[in-house]
């Protein structure tokens, strides 16, 4: 990732969360909130929805935000960690092939489009 030194930050009245962008595996919808999953296995709830996360990524990471892609309605993934895509099984595995493995269930259409983009 070009922006290894870049951070994703979000704050609320009571807290500030500041995460190195390169350590973010994905964001998942959690009602009106979002969950961020990190390389070290930590999962943190953010007090903003995925649309707000998308906007913040674009504002804070500039051109490096393109490594984060909305995958269906419920997830934003870091494309650097895409390990396996199977649209028929609706299966996406994010991994660094060494320390973590995270499996998501994503719609067939979203996975087909993601695969198409990656194969270009």
C-alpha atoms as a PDB file:
ATOM      1  CA  UNK A   1       0.000   0.000   0.000  1.00  0.00           C
ATOM      2  CA  UNK A   2       1.430   3.338  -1.039  1.00  0.00           C
ATOM      3  CA  UNK A   3       0.143   5.067   2.094  1.00  0.00           C
ATOM      4  CA  UNK A   4       1.666   2.814   4.734  1.00  0.00           C
ATOM      5  CA  UNK A   5       2.012   5.863   6.968  1.00  0.00           C
ATOM      6  CA  UNK A   6      -1.605   6.947   6.470  1.00  0.00           C
ATOM      7  CA  UNK A   7      -4.271   6.533   9.111  1.00  0.00           C
ATOM      8  CA  UNK A   8      -8.021   6.102   9.125  1.00  0.00           C
ATOM      9  CA  UNK A   9      -9.537   8.142  11.951  1.00  0.00           C
ATOM     10  CA  UNK A  10     -13.049   8.484  13.276  1.00  0.00           C
ATOM     11  CA  UNK A  11     -14.168  10.242  16.427  1.00  0.00           C
ATOM     12  CA  UNK A  12     -17.263  10.544  18.547  1.00  0.00           C
ATOM     13  CA  UNK A  13     -18.061  12.571  21.652  1.00  0.00           C
ATOM     14  CA  UNK A  14     -16.303  10.028  23.835  1.00  0.00           C
ATOM     15  CA  UNK A  15     -13.503   8.519  21.733  1.00  0.00           C
ATOM     16  CA  UNK A  16     -11.053   8.802  18.866  1.00  0.00           C
ATOM     17  CA  UNK A  17     -10.112   5.720  16.852  1.00  0.00           C
ATOM     18  CA  UNK A  18      -6.967   6.025  14.711  1.00  0.00           C
ATOM     19  CA  UNK A  19      -5.907   2.924  12.756  1.00  0.00           C
ATOM     20  CA  UNK A  20      -3.045   2.541  10.263  1.00  0.00           C
ATOM     21  CA  UNK A  21      -4.786   2.062   6.908  1.00  0.00           C
ATOM     22  CA  UNK A  22      -2.498  -0.850   6.001  1.00  0.00           C
ATOM     23  CA  UNK A  23      -3.705  -2.802   9.046  1.00  0.00           C
ATOM     24  CA  UNK A  24      -7.405  -2.599   8.119  1.00  0.00           C
ATOM     25  CA  UNK A  25      -8.769  -5.819   6.623  1.00  0.00           C
ATOM     26  CA  UNK A  26     -12.379  -4.753   6.152  1.00  0.00           C
ATOM     27  CA  UNK A  27     -15.359  -2.813   7.419  1.00  0.00           C
ATOM     28  CA  UNK A  28     -18.738  -4.532   7.893  1.00  0.00           C
ATOM     29  CA  UNK A  29     -22.191  -3.081   8.442  1.00  0.00           C
ATOM     30  CA  UNK A  30     -23.590  -3.439  11.949  1.00  0.00           C
ATOM     31  CA  UNK A  31     -26.989  -1.754  11.842  1.00  0.00           C
ATOM     32  CA  UNK A  32     -26.403   2.019  11.979  1.00  0.00           C
ATOM     33  CA  UNK A  33     -22.791   1.366  12.973  1.00  0.00           C
ATOM     34  CA  UNK A  34     -19.796  -0.333  11.377  1.00  0.00           C
ATOM     35  CA  UNK A  35     -17.271  -2.891  12.518  1.00  0.00           C
ATOM     36  CA  UNK A  36     -13.632  -2.562  11.514  1.00  0.00           C
ATOM     37  CA  UNK A  37     -11.552  -5.744  11.448  1.00  0.00           C
ATOM     38  CA  UNK A  38      -7.798  -5.352  11.772  1.00  0.00           C
ATOM     39  CA  UNK A  39      -4.808  -7.524  10.893  1.00  0.00           C
ATOM     40  CA  UNK A  40      -4.137  -8.269  14.555  1.00  0.00           C
ATOM     41  CA  UNK A  41      -7.631  -9.754  14.912  1.00  0.00           C
ATOM     42  CA  UNK A  42      -9.116  -6.829  16.820  1.00  0.00           C
ATOM     43  CA  UNK A  43     -12.690  -5.923  15.900  1.00  0.00           C
ATOM     44  CA  UNK A  44     -13.899  -2.464  16.872  1.00  0.00           C
ATOM     45  CA  UNK A  45     -17.327  -0.896  16.541  1.00  0.00           C
ATOM     46  CA  UNK A  46     -17.394   2.532  14.903  1.00  0.00           C
ATOM     47  CA  UNK A  47     -20.194   5.015  15.475  1.00  0.00           C
ATOM     48  CA  UNK A  48     -20.799   5.610  11.776  1.00  0.00           C
ATOM     49  CA  UNK A  49     -22.400   3.637   8.957  1.00  0.00           C
ATOM     50  CA  UNK A  50     -20.620   2.250   5.882  1.00  0.00           C
ATOM     51  CA  UNK A  51     -21.556   5.229   3.704  1.00  0.00           C
ATOM     52  CA  UNK A  52     -19.866   7.539   6.215  1.00  0.00           C
ATOM     53  CA  UNK A  53     -16.843   5.201   6.324  1.00  0.00           C
ATOM     54  CA  UNK A  54     -16.578   5.411   2.510  1.00  0.00           C
ATOM     55  CA  UNK A  55     -16.579   9.210   2.643  1.00  0.00           C
ATOM     56  CA  UNK A  56     -13.963   9.279   5.415  1.00  0.00           C
ATOM     57  CA  UNK A  57     -11.708   6.875   3.504  1.00  0.00           C
ATOM     58  CA  UNK A  58     -11.827   9.134   0.450  1.00  0.00           C
ATOM     59  CA  UNK A  59     -11.127  12.273   2.489  1.00  0.00           C
ATOM     60  CA  UNK A  60      -8.345  10.832   4.634  1.00  0.00           C
ATOM     61  CA  UNK A  61      -6.495   8.473   2.289  1.00  0.00           C
ATOM     62  CA  UNK A  62      -6.809  10.364  -1.019  1.00  0.00           C
ATOM     63  CA  UNK A  63      -5.587   8.127  -3.883  1.00  0.00           C
ATOM     64  CA  UNK A  64      -4.827   5.276  -1.454  1.00  0.00           C
ATOM     65  CA  UNK A  65      -8.545   4.974  -0.732  1.00  0.00           C
ATOM     66  CA  UNK A  66      -8.836   3.034  -4.004  1.00  0.00           C
ATOM     67  CA  UNK A  67      -7.470  -0.065  -2.234  1.00  0.00           C
ATOM     68  CA  UNK A  68     -10.744  -0.108  -0.268  1.00  0.00           C
ATOM     69  CA  UNK A  69     -13.737  -1.298  -2.292  1.00  0.00           C
ATOM     70  CA  UNK A  70     -17.400  -1.546  -1.390  1.00  0.00           C
ATOM     71  CA  UNK A  71     -18.392  -5.178  -1.815  1.00  0.00           C
ATOM     72  CA  UNK A  72     -22.158  -5.438  -1.740  1.00  0.00           C
ATOM     73  CA  UNK A  73     -24.261  -3.558   0.772  1.00  0.00           C
ATOM     74  CA  UNK A  74     -22.570  -4.868   3.871  1.00  0.00           C
ATOM     75  CA  UNK A  75     -18.797  -4.686   3.436  1.00  0.00           C
ATOM     76  CA  UNK A  76     -15.879  -2.510   2.437  1.00  0.00           C
ATOM     77  CA  UNK A  77     -12.766  -4.602   1.898  1.00  0.00           C
ATOM     78  CA  UNK A  78      -9.071  -3.907   1.589  1.00  0.00           C
ATOM     79  CA  UNK A  79      -8.259  -5.399  -1.824  1.00  0.00           C
ATOM     80  CA  UNK A  80      -4.660  -6.038  -0.767  1.00  0.00           C
ATOM     81  CA  UNK A  81      -5.915  -8.951   1.346  1.00  0.00           C
ATOM     82  CA  UNK A  82      -8.165 -10.692  -1.186  1.00  0.00           C
ATOM     83  CA  UNK A  83      -7.072 -14.320  -1.126  1.00  0.00           C
ATOM     84  CA  UNK A  84     -10.023 -16.266  -2.576  1.00  0.00           C
ATOM     85  CA  UNK A  85     -13.246 -15.433  -4.431  1.00  0.00           C
ATOM     86  CA  UNK A  86     -15.979 -17.943  -5.230  1.00  0.00           C
ATOM     87  CA  UNK A  87     -19.167 -16.272  -6.514  1.00  0.00           C
ATOM     88  CA  UNK A  88     -21.146 -19.538  -6.709  1.00  0.00           C
ATOM     89  CA  UNK A  89     -20.575 -20.224  -3.004  1.00  0.00           C
ATOM     90  CA  UNK A  90     -20.874 -16.505  -2.150  1.00  0.00           C
ATOM     91  CA  UNK A  91     -17.516 -16.821  -0.443  1.00  0.00           C
ATOM     92  CA  UNK A  92     -14.733 -14.261  -0.069  1.00  0.00           C
ATOM     93  CA  UNK A  93     -11.613 -14.959   1.975  1.00  0.00           C
ATOM     94  CA  UNK A  94      -9.346 -12.141   3.064  1.00  0.00           C
ATOM     95  CA  UNK A  95      -5.906 -13.239   4.209  1.00  0.00           C
ATOM     96  CA  UNK A  96      -2.229 -12.315   4.266  1.00  0.00           C
ATOM     97  CA  UNK A  97      -1.510 -16.047   3.779  1.00  0.00           C
ATOM     98  CA  UNK A  98       0.440 -16.129   7.037  1.00  0.00           C
ATOM     99  CA  UNK A  99      -1.161 -14.645  10.142  1.00  0.00           C
ATOM    100  CA  UNK A 100      -4.895 -14.189   9.571  1.00  0.00           C
ATOM    101  CA  UNK A 101      -7.839 -15.511   7.577  1.00  0.00           C
ATOM    102  CA  UNK A 102     -11.244 -13.834   7.503  1.00  0.00           C
ATOM    103  CA  UNK A 103     -14.189 -15.279   5.574  1.00  0.00           C
ATOM    104  CA  UNK A 104     -17.137 -13.201   4.372  1.00  0.00           C
ATOM    105  CA  UNK A 105     -20.418 -14.186   2.769  1.00  0.00           C
ATOM    106  CA  UNK A 106     -21.046 -11.764  -0.088  1.00  0.00           C
ATOM    107  CA  UNK A 107     -23.641 -11.710  -2.860  1.00  0.00           C
ATOM    108  CA  UNK A 108     -22.856 -13.494  -6.122  1.00  0.00           C
ATOM    109  CA  UNK A 109     -23.237 -10.288  -8.113  1.00  0.00           C
ATOM    110  CA  UNK A 110     -20.850  -8.339  -5.888  1.00  0.00           C
ATOM    111  CA  UNK A 111     -18.243 -11.103  -6.071  1.00  0.00           C
ATOM    112  CA  UNK A 112     -18.546 -11.390  -9.855  1.00  0.00           C
ATOM    113  CA  UNK A 113     -17.985  -7.645 -10.186  1.00  0.00           C
ATOM    114  CA  UNK A 114     -15.063  -7.727  -7.757  1.00  0.00           C
ATOM    115  CA  UNK A 115     -13.478 -10.562  -9.710  1.00  0.00           C
ATOM    116  CA  UNK A 116     -13.986  -8.693 -12.982  1.00  0.00           C
ATOM    117  CA  UNK A 117     -12.259  -5.598 -11.559  1.00  0.00           C
ATOM    118  CA  UNK A 118      -9.319  -7.589 -10.200  1.00  0.00           C
ATOM    119  CA  UNK A 119      -8.743  -9.499 -13.428  1.00  0.00           C
ATOM    120  CA  UNK A 120      -8.334  -6.288 -15.484  1.00  0.00           C
END
